[in-house]
Protein backbone atom coordinates (compact mmCIF):
# COMPACT_ATOMS: atom_id res chain seq x y z
CA UNK A 1 88.14 -131.43 29.71
CA UNK A 2 85.11 -131.83 31.70
CA UNK A 3 85.38 -129.60 34.94
CA UNK A 4 83.21 -130.90 37.88
CA UNK A 5 82.28 -127.99 40.06
CA UNK A 6 81.87 -124.15 39.36
CA UNK A 7 83.60 -122.66 42.45
CA UNK A 8 86.73 -120.42 42.25
CA UNK A 9 88.96 -123.67 41.12
CA UNK A 10 86.73 -124.59 38.34
CA UNK A 11 86.13 -121.34 36.91
CA UNK A 12 89.48 -120.18 37.07
CA UNK A 13 90.46 -123.29 35.32
CA UNK A 14 87.81 -122.84 32.79
CA UNK A 15 88.72 -119.40 31.92
CA UNK A 16 92.46 -120.28 31.54
CA UNK A 17 91.82 -123.29 29.38
CA UNK A 18 89.49 -120.88 27.20
CA UNK A 19 92.41 -118.48 26.77
CA UNK A 20 94.68 -121.57 25.97
CA UNK A 21 92.34 -122.86 23.24
CA UNK A 22 91.48 -125.92 25.26
CA UNK A 23 87.95 -126.85 24.94
CA UNK A 24 86.05 -127.42 28.39
CA UNK A 25 82.62 -127.92 29.74
CA UNK A 26 81.90 -126.95 33.38
CA UNK A 27 79.21 -128.99 35.41
CA UNK A 28 77.81 -127.68 38.58
CA UNK A 29 75.26 -129.46 40.62
CA UNK A 30 73.89 -126.21 42.25
CA UNK A 31 71.67 -123.63 40.85
CA UNK A 32 73.53 -120.51 39.46
CA UNK A 33 71.85 -118.14 41.82
CA UNK A 34 73.26 -120.35 44.67
CA UNK A 35 76.88 -120.28 43.64
CA UNK A 36 76.81 -116.70 42.72
CA UNK A 37 75.61 -115.49 46.21
CA UNK A 38 77.21 -118.17 48.31
CA UNK A 39 78.97 -116.03 51.23
CA UNK A 40 82.54 -116.95 51.75
CA UNK A 41 85.49 -114.96 52.89
CA UNK A 42 88.43 -114.36 50.46
CA UNK A 43 91.69 -112.60 50.12
CA UNK A 44 93.53 -112.73 46.81
CA UNK A 45 97.09 -112.86 47.46
CA UNK A 46 99.69 -111.05 45.40
CA UNK A 47 100.59 -114.05 43.47
CA UNK A 48 96.86 -114.86 42.44
CA UNK A 49 96.39 -111.21 41.45
CA UNK A 50 99.58 -111.22 39.10
CA UNK A 51 98.33 -114.66 37.69
CA UNK A 52 94.74 -113.16 36.82
CA UNK A 53 96.58 -110.20 35.22
CA UNK A 54 99.07 -112.29 33.25
CA UNK A 55 96.16 -114.41 31.80
CA UNK A 56 94.07 -111.16 30.57
CA UNK A 57 91.54 -111.44 33.32
CA UNK A 58 92.65 -108.45 35.51
CA UNK A 59 90.19 -105.86 33.95
CA UNK A 60 87.20 -108.23 34.33
CA UNK A 61 88.07 -109.78 37.63
CA UNK A 62 89.80 -107.11 39.65
CA UNK A 63 88.28 -103.94 38.89
CA UNK A 64 87.26 -101.73 41.99
CA UNK A 65 88.53 -104.53 44.35
CA UNK A 66 90.39 -102.88 47.37
CA UNK A 67 94.06 -103.49 47.94
CA UNK A 68 95.19 -104.78 51.27
CA UNK A 69 97.30 -102.64 53.20
CA UNK A 70 98.25 -102.48 56.92
CA UNK A 71 97.56 -105.50 59.16
CA UNK A 72 96.71 -104.79 62.63
CA UNK A 73 97.60 -107.21 65.56
CA UNK A 74 95.70 -106.09 68.64
CA UNK A 75 97.55 -107.72 71.78
CA UNK A 76 95.65 -107.08 75.18
CA UNK A 77 94.04 -104.27 73.68
CA UNK A 78 97.29 -102.52 72.38
CA UNK A 79 97.47 -102.08 68.61
CA UNK A 80 100.57 -103.04 66.66
CA UNK A 81 100.68 -102.83 62.82
CA UNK A 82 102.44 -104.61 60.02
CA UNK A 83 102.71 -102.93 56.53
CA UNK A 84 102.74 -106.30 54.74
CA UNK A 85 103.07 -105.02 51.03
CA UNK A 86 106.03 -102.77 52.08
CA UNK A 87 107.61 -105.75 53.84
CA UNK A 88 107.02 -107.99 50.86
CA UNK A 89 108.66 -105.78 48.27
CA UNK A 90 105.50 -103.96 47.18
CA UNK A 91 103.44 -107.09 46.68
CA UNK A 92 99.69 -106.27 47.42
CA UNK A 93 96.95 -108.66 48.15
CA UNK A 94 93.25 -107.74 47.36
CA UNK A 95 90.07 -108.23 49.59
CA UNK A 96 87.74 -110.20 47.50
CA UNK A 97 84.79 -112.12 48.78
CA UNK A 98 84.43 -115.52 47.05
CA UNK A 99 81.14 -114.85 45.71
CA UNK A 100 82.29 -111.71 43.88
CA UNK A 101 85.16 -113.61 42.38
CA UNK A 102 82.74 -116.48 41.23
CA UNK A 103 80.44 -113.89 39.69
CA UNK A 104 83.13 -112.15 37.58
CA UNK A 105 84.68 -115.39 36.48
CA UNK A 106 81.34 -116.56 35.38
CA UNK A 107 80.84 -113.41 33.44
CA UNK A 108 84.39 -113.63 31.79
CA UNK A 109 83.87 -117.43 30.93
CA UNK A 110 80.58 -116.79 29.31
CA UNK A 111 81.52 -113.70 27.38
CA UNK A 112 84.27 -115.84 25.92
CA UNK A 113 81.63 -118.26 24.74
CA UNK A 114 82.29 -120.71 27.54
CA UNK A 115 79.80 -123.73 28.48
CA UNK A 116 78.49 -123.78 32.09
CA UNK A 117 75.80 -126.23 32.86
CA UNK A 118 74.30 -125.65 36.40
CA UNK A 119 71.75 -128.01 38.15
CA UNK A 120 73.74 -131.12 36.78
CA UNK A 121 72.47 -133.92 38.90
CA UNK A 122 73.72 -137.35 39.67
CA UNK A 123 77.30 -136.91 38.01
CA UNK A 124 79.08 -140.01 37.73
CA UNK A 125 82.59 -140.47 36.29
CA UNK A 126 83.60 -143.56 34.26
CA UNK A 127 86.75 -144.68 32.63
CA UNK A 128 89.08 -142.40 34.48
CA UNK A 129 92.15 -144.78 33.71
CA UNK A 130 91.22 -145.17 30.07
CA UNK A 131 92.06 -142.88 27.09
CA UNK A 132 88.67 -141.45 27.02
CA UNK A 133 86.77 -140.94 30.39
CA UNK A 134 82.96 -140.47 30.37
CA UNK A 135 80.88 -138.26 32.42
CA UNK A 136 77.14 -139.01 33.02
CA UNK A 137 74.68 -136.64 34.46
CA UNK A 138 71.09 -135.61 34.33
CA UNK A 139 70.50 -131.85 33.15
CA UNK A 140 68.18 -129.23 34.81
CA UNK A 141 65.22 -130.95 32.66
CA UNK A 142 65.87 -134.31 34.17
CA UNK A 143 67.29 -135.62 30.76
CA UNK A 144 70.19 -138.13 30.94
CA UNK A 145 73.46 -136.81 29.20
CA UNK A 146 76.74 -138.32 28.52
CA UNK A 147 80.10 -136.14 28.06
CA UNK A 148 83.00 -137.85 26.57
CA UNK A 149 86.37 -136.13 27.28
CA UNK A 150 90.15 -136.47 27.33
CA UNK A 151 90.42 -135.19 30.96
CA UNK A 152 88.30 -134.63 33.97
CA UNK A 153 89.13 -131.97 36.56
CA UNK A 154 87.73 -132.60 39.94
CA UNK A 155 86.99 -128.95 41.38
CA UNK A 156 83.88 -129.92 43.44
CA UNK A 157 85.19 -129.71 46.96
CA UNK A 158 86.12 -131.83 49.91
CA UNK A 159 82.53 -133.45 49.84
CA UNK A 160 82.45 -133.71 46.17
CA UNK A 161 82.26 -137.05 44.11
CA UNK A 162 85.58 -136.51 42.12
CA UNK A 163 87.88 -137.72 45.03
CA UNK A 164 85.40 -140.40 45.98
CA UNK A 165 85.60 -141.78 42.42
CA UNK A 166 89.32 -142.77 42.88
CA UNK A 167 89.82 -146.47 43.69
CA UNK A 168 90.66 -147.13 47.38
CA UNK A 169 94.33 -147.38 47.91
CA UNK A 170 95.27 -145.10 44.92
CA UNK A 171 95.69 -142.23 47.15
CA UNK A 172 97.50 -141.47 50.37
CA UNK A 173 95.53 -139.19 52.81
CA UNK A 174 97.12 -136.88 55.40
CA UNK A 175 94.47 -135.52 57.97
CA UNK A 176 94.88 -133.41 61.15
CA UNK A 177 92.46 -131.85 63.57
CA UNK A 178 93.78 -128.80 65.14
CA UNK A 179 91.54 -128.83 68.19
CA UNK A 180 90.34 -125.33 67.48
CA UNK A 181 86.76 -124.03 66.59
CA UNK A 182 85.61 -120.57 65.38
CA UNK A 183 82.22 -118.86 65.41
CA UNK A 184 82.05 -116.82 62.11
CA UNK A 185 79.61 -113.81 62.12
CA UNK A 186 78.43 -111.73 59.30
CA UNK A 187 77.06 -108.41 60.44
CA UNK A 188 75.71 -105.09 59.03
CA UNK A 189 78.34 -103.00 61.08
CA UNK A 190 80.99 -100.49 59.79
CA UNK A 191 83.94 -102.15 58.17
CA UNK A 192 87.22 -101.69 60.15
CA UNK A 193 89.89 -99.53 58.61
CA UNK A 194 92.05 -102.39 58.27
CA UNK A 195 92.00 -106.33 58.67
CA UNK A 196 92.39 -106.97 62.66
CA UNK A 197 93.47 -109.90 64.43
CA UNK A 198 93.20 -109.73 68.29
CA UNK A 199 94.99 -111.77 70.88
CA UNK A 200 94.18 -111.59 74.80
CA UNK A 201 93.49 -113.79 77.66
CA UNK A 202 89.93 -114.13 76.79
CA UNK A 203 90.62 -115.81 73.55
CA UNK A 204 91.29 -114.96 69.84
CA UNK A 205 88.99 -112.75 67.80
CA UNK A 206 89.04 -110.96 64.42
CA UNK A 207 87.43 -108.30 62.38
CA UNK A 208 87.50 -108.03 58.59
CA UNK A 209 85.69 -105.80 56.16
CA UNK A 210 83.13 -107.15 53.98
CA UNK A 211 82.12 -104.05 51.94
CA UNK A 212 81.73 -100.48 53.49
CA UNK A 213 78.88 -101.32 55.66
CA UNK A 214 79.32 -105.01 56.27
CA UNK A 215 81.84 -106.86 58.66
CA UNK A 216 82.96 -110.42 59.09
CA UNK A 217 83.97 -111.31 62.83
CA UNK A 218 85.71 -114.57 63.86
CA UNK A 219 85.71 -115.78 67.63
CA UNK A 220 87.48 -118.50 69.09
CA UNK A 221 85.43 -121.27 70.57
CA UNK A 222 85.22 -124.83 71.94
CA UNK A 223 85.07 -127.19 68.95
CA UNK A 224 81.75 -128.91 68.76
CA UNK A 225 79.82 -125.75 69.81
CA UNK A 226 76.45 -124.76 67.78
CA UNK A 227 75.18 -121.50 66.66
CA UNK A 228 72.71 -121.68 69.45
CA UNK A 229 75.36 -121.33 72.21
CA UNK A 230 76.44 -117.92 70.67
CA UNK A 231 73.22 -115.69 70.82
CA UNK A 232 73.74 -112.04 69.64
CA UNK A 233 74.19 -110.75 73.19
CA UNK A 234 76.97 -113.17 73.79
CA UNK A 235 78.66 -112.47 70.36
CA UNK A 236 78.81 -108.68 70.89
CA UNK A 237 80.07 -109.00 74.70
CA UNK A 238 82.87 -111.26 73.59
CA UNK A 239 83.84 -109.14 70.67
CA UNK A 240 84.06 -105.86 72.71
CA UNK A 241 86.09 -107.87 75.31
CA UNK A 242 88.37 -109.67 72.96
CA UNK A 243 89.00 -106.75 70.43
CA UNK A 244 89.62 -104.30 73.50
CA UNK A 245 86.92 -101.89 71.97
CA UNK A 246 84.12 -100.76 74.49
CA UNK A 247 82.64 -98.66 71.78
CA UNK A 248 82.37 -101.40 69.02
CA UNK A 249 79.19 -100.65 67.05
CA UNK A 250 76.60 -103.28 67.46
CA UNK A 251 74.56 -104.24 64.25
CA UNK A 252 72.19 -106.82 62.85
CA UNK A 253 73.84 -110.40 62.55
CA UNK A 254 72.94 -111.79 59.32
CA UNK A 255 74.53 -115.14 59.61
CA UNK A 256 76.39 -117.36 62.14
CA UNK A 257 78.25 -120.42 61.53
CA UNK A 258 80.79 -122.79 63.03
CA UNK A 259 84.22 -123.79 61.76
CA UNK A 260 86.26 -126.43 63.10
CA UNK A 261 90.17 -126.31 62.22
CA UNK A 262 91.07 -129.23 60.26
CA UNK A 263 93.48 -129.84 57.47
CA UNK A 264 93.46 -132.59 54.53
CA UNK A 265 96.00 -133.63 51.96
CA UNK A 266 95.88 -136.19 49.28
CA UNK A 267 98.92 -137.38 47.40
CA UNK A 268 99.13 -137.61 44.46
CA UNK A 269 96.48 -135.10 43.29
CA UNK A 270 95.58 -137.17 40.23
CA UNK A 271 94.44 -140.50 39.27
CA UNK A 272 94.53 -141.67 35.63
CA UNK A 273 93.05 -138.74 33.68
CA UNK A 274 91.26 -137.24 36.55
CA UNK A 275 93.15 -134.12 38.30
CA UNK A 276 91.96 -133.03 41.68
CA UNK A 277 92.03 -129.17 42.04
CA UNK A 278 91.43 -126.89 45.26
CA UNK A 279 89.52 -128.43 48.13
CA UNK A 280 88.92 -131.80 46.28
CA UNK A 281 92.67 -132.37 47.04
CA UNK A 282 93.40 -130.34 50.20
CA UNK A 283 91.80 -128.57 52.91
CA UNK A 284 93.59 -125.70 54.95
CA UNK A 285 92.40 -123.79 57.89
CA UNK A 286 91.12 -120.04 57.34
CA UNK A 287 94.10 -118.80 59.13
CA UNK A 288 96.04 -116.96 56.67
CA UNK A 289 93.58 -116.80 53.90
CA UNK A 290 95.41 -119.53 51.76
CA UNK A 291 92.45 -121.92 50.89
CA UNK A 292 91.18 -119.97 47.74
CA UNK A 293 94.68 -119.02 46.73
CA UNK A 294 95.63 -122.53 46.76
CA UNK A 295 92.62 -123.43 44.51
CA UNK A 296 93.63 -120.70 42.10
CA UNK A 297 97.34 -121.99 41.84
CA UNK A 298 96.41 -125.38 41.25
CA UNK A 299 93.86 -124.18 38.40
CA UNK A 300 96.77 -122.36 36.82
CA UNK A 301 99.36 -125.27 36.96
CA UNK A 302 96.68 -127.59 35.44
CA UNK A 303 95.91 -125.28 32.72
CA UNK A 304 99.58 -124.80 31.89
CA UNK A 305 100.30 -128.65 31.69
CA UNK A 306 97.03 -129.30 29.69
CA UNK A 307 97.95 -126.72 27.38
CA UNK A 308 101.39 -128.36 26.79
CA UNK A 309 99.77 -131.65 26.43
CA UNK A 310 96.96 -130.52 24.12
CA UNK A 311 98.45 -127.84 22.15
CA UNK A 312 102.15 -128.71 22.07
CA UNK A 313 101.91 -132.54 22.24
CA UNK A 314 104.05 -132.72 25.52
CA UNK A 315 102.13 -135.21 27.68
CA UNK A 316 105.01 -135.53 30.09
CA UNK A 317 104.27 -132.27 31.76
CA UNK A 318 101.06 -133.70 33.01
CA UNK A 319 103.00 -135.89 35.42
CA UNK A 320 104.43 -132.84 37.09
CA UNK A 321 100.98 -131.27 38.20
CA UNK A 322 100.71 -133.02 41.39
CA UNK A 323 104.28 -132.59 42.56
CA UNK A 324 104.20 -128.80 41.77
CA UNK A 325 100.92 -128.15 43.37
CA UNK A 326 101.74 -130.15 46.68
CA UNK A 327 105.14 -128.39 47.03
CA UNK A 328 102.92 -125.20 47.56
CA UNK A 329 100.19 -126.99 49.44
CA UNK A 330 102.57 -127.99 52.30
CA UNK A 331 104.17 -124.73 52.39
CA UNK A 332 100.83 -123.08 52.95
CA UNK A 333 99.76 -125.77 55.45
CA UNK A 334 102.82 -125.02 57.42
CA UNK A 335 102.19 -121.25 57.28
CA UNK A 336 98.58 -121.67 58.40
CA UNK A 337 99.44 -123.91 61.11
CA UNK A 338 102.31 -121.56 62.40
CA UNK A 339 100.04 -118.60 62.45
CA UNK A 340 97.13 -120.32 63.99
CA UNK A 341 99.37 -121.53 66.99
CA UNK A 342 100.67 -118.12 67.35
CA UNK A 343 97.50 -116.33 67.71
CA UNK A 344 95.40 -119.03 69.69
CA UNK A 345 98.14 -119.99 72.00
CA UNK A 346 99.13 -116.76 72.89
CA UNK A 347 95.65 -115.93 74.34
CA UNK A 348 93.91 -118.05 76.81
CA UNK A 349 96.51 -119.87 78.87
CA UNK A 350 93.91 -122.64 79.82
CA UNK A 351 94.18 -124.13 76.34
CA UNK A 352 97.75 -125.50 76.40
CA UNK A 353 99.23 -124.07 79.50
CA UNK A 354 101.40 -120.98 80.33
CA UNK A 355 104.64 -122.52 78.64
CA UNK A 356 103.11 -122.68 75.10
CA UNK A 357 101.51 -119.30 75.95
CA UNK A 358 104.78 -117.82 76.55
CA UNK A 359 106.23 -119.24 73.26
CA UNK A 360 103.47 -117.89 71.12
CA UNK A 361 103.86 -114.49 72.70
CA UNK A 362 107.64 -114.53 71.66
CA UNK A 363 106.57 -115.55 68.05
CA UNK A 364 104.36 -112.40 68.12
CA UNK A 365 107.04 -110.32 69.52
CA UNK A 366 109.42 -111.13 66.91
CA UNK A 367 107.12 -109.82 64.19
CA UNK A 368 107.54 -106.40 65.55
CA UNK A 369 111.17 -106.47 66.73
CA UNK A 370 112.84 -108.51 63.78
CA UNK A 371 113.02 -107.19 60.43
CA UNK A 372 113.89 -110.83 59.19
CA UNK A 373 110.88 -112.39 60.97
CA UNK A 374 108.46 -109.60 59.77
CA UNK A 375 109.65 -110.03 56.21
CA UNK A 376 109.46 -113.77 56.12
CA UNK A 377 105.82 -113.42 57.46
CA UNK A 378 104.75 -110.85 54.80
CA UNK A 379 106.40 -112.67 51.87
CA UNK A 380 104.34 -115.88 52.79
CA UNK A 381 101.16 -113.79 53.39
CA UNK A 382 101.68 -112.10 49.80
CA UNK A 383 102.16 -115.52 48.27
CA UNK A 384 104.99 -117.98 47.46
CA UNK A 385 106.15 -117.67 43.89
């Protein structure tokens, strides 16, 4: 298999194929130093943790990664807590930035003799609907290369070439703009004791740990705003206001970026001998932390059906890939949308009016007043089996 892209999806797939005895080569356009240090938030849900352990990657990938525990909702400055692992039957998540996962997956892959080729420019896919596709590219020295393979995995994200290599009309596209923007802020400040989601009339905010001395913050904003509209003094003023913490420590802001909440799904997630994995097939909002977990789930599903096809001669398993992955994708899209409406609509009534605000407040209240509602939330957060 030729794997296009060395993010969490591509590297997870590469490691699982390696352990299945299926030869693969990973092609990545970026430099290795870039992919190993690209800052991205990340939570590994229980299902992803269990998958890594079952495939023999637990010791290499999960060592020292903190376990997720209580989740705090701060509503109008009043803290409420959910013990998500207890509600989900003891299923723990892990707080793991994407760059740490990528670094460890690369180490595991190369320790096993894996073939990772970075700085692969001009990648082009040919013969995807034939028995033997060909991948052409230029290596780091500028030399033209050609790679013949049985299958291709498109793990190169939403803007990658893999999905764009599929003929027009072969895929059905579902897209949705949620009409919400976030300012994301990385700062050198003490990490919170637990992940925090804050709801108030001033708008949504969140505070997550990124190591003992670093934090990731999120602030609801108007879609289309730029980082220039959010100087440091405005960031800290709004965080203190929305988090209900006048004593929130101020630190050095090391990165600021904007996110507009959009969702995207293609059906099917394959064409000929090309299989789309992770963000190449679906984009989900950051709310709920499901994007990276969907990518890992896709990778495991593809590894299993490829193992059946290559090792056991059962090519019929390949036809189940898209259906299996899309079932979980739509579950997670629904959870992310539900959670996003709840925390955003419950805040500033000027967004959608007081009626929707009270509906969202009722949803929030049920999390702390109904054992059934709290358990359903916790199970989805922990990961759908």
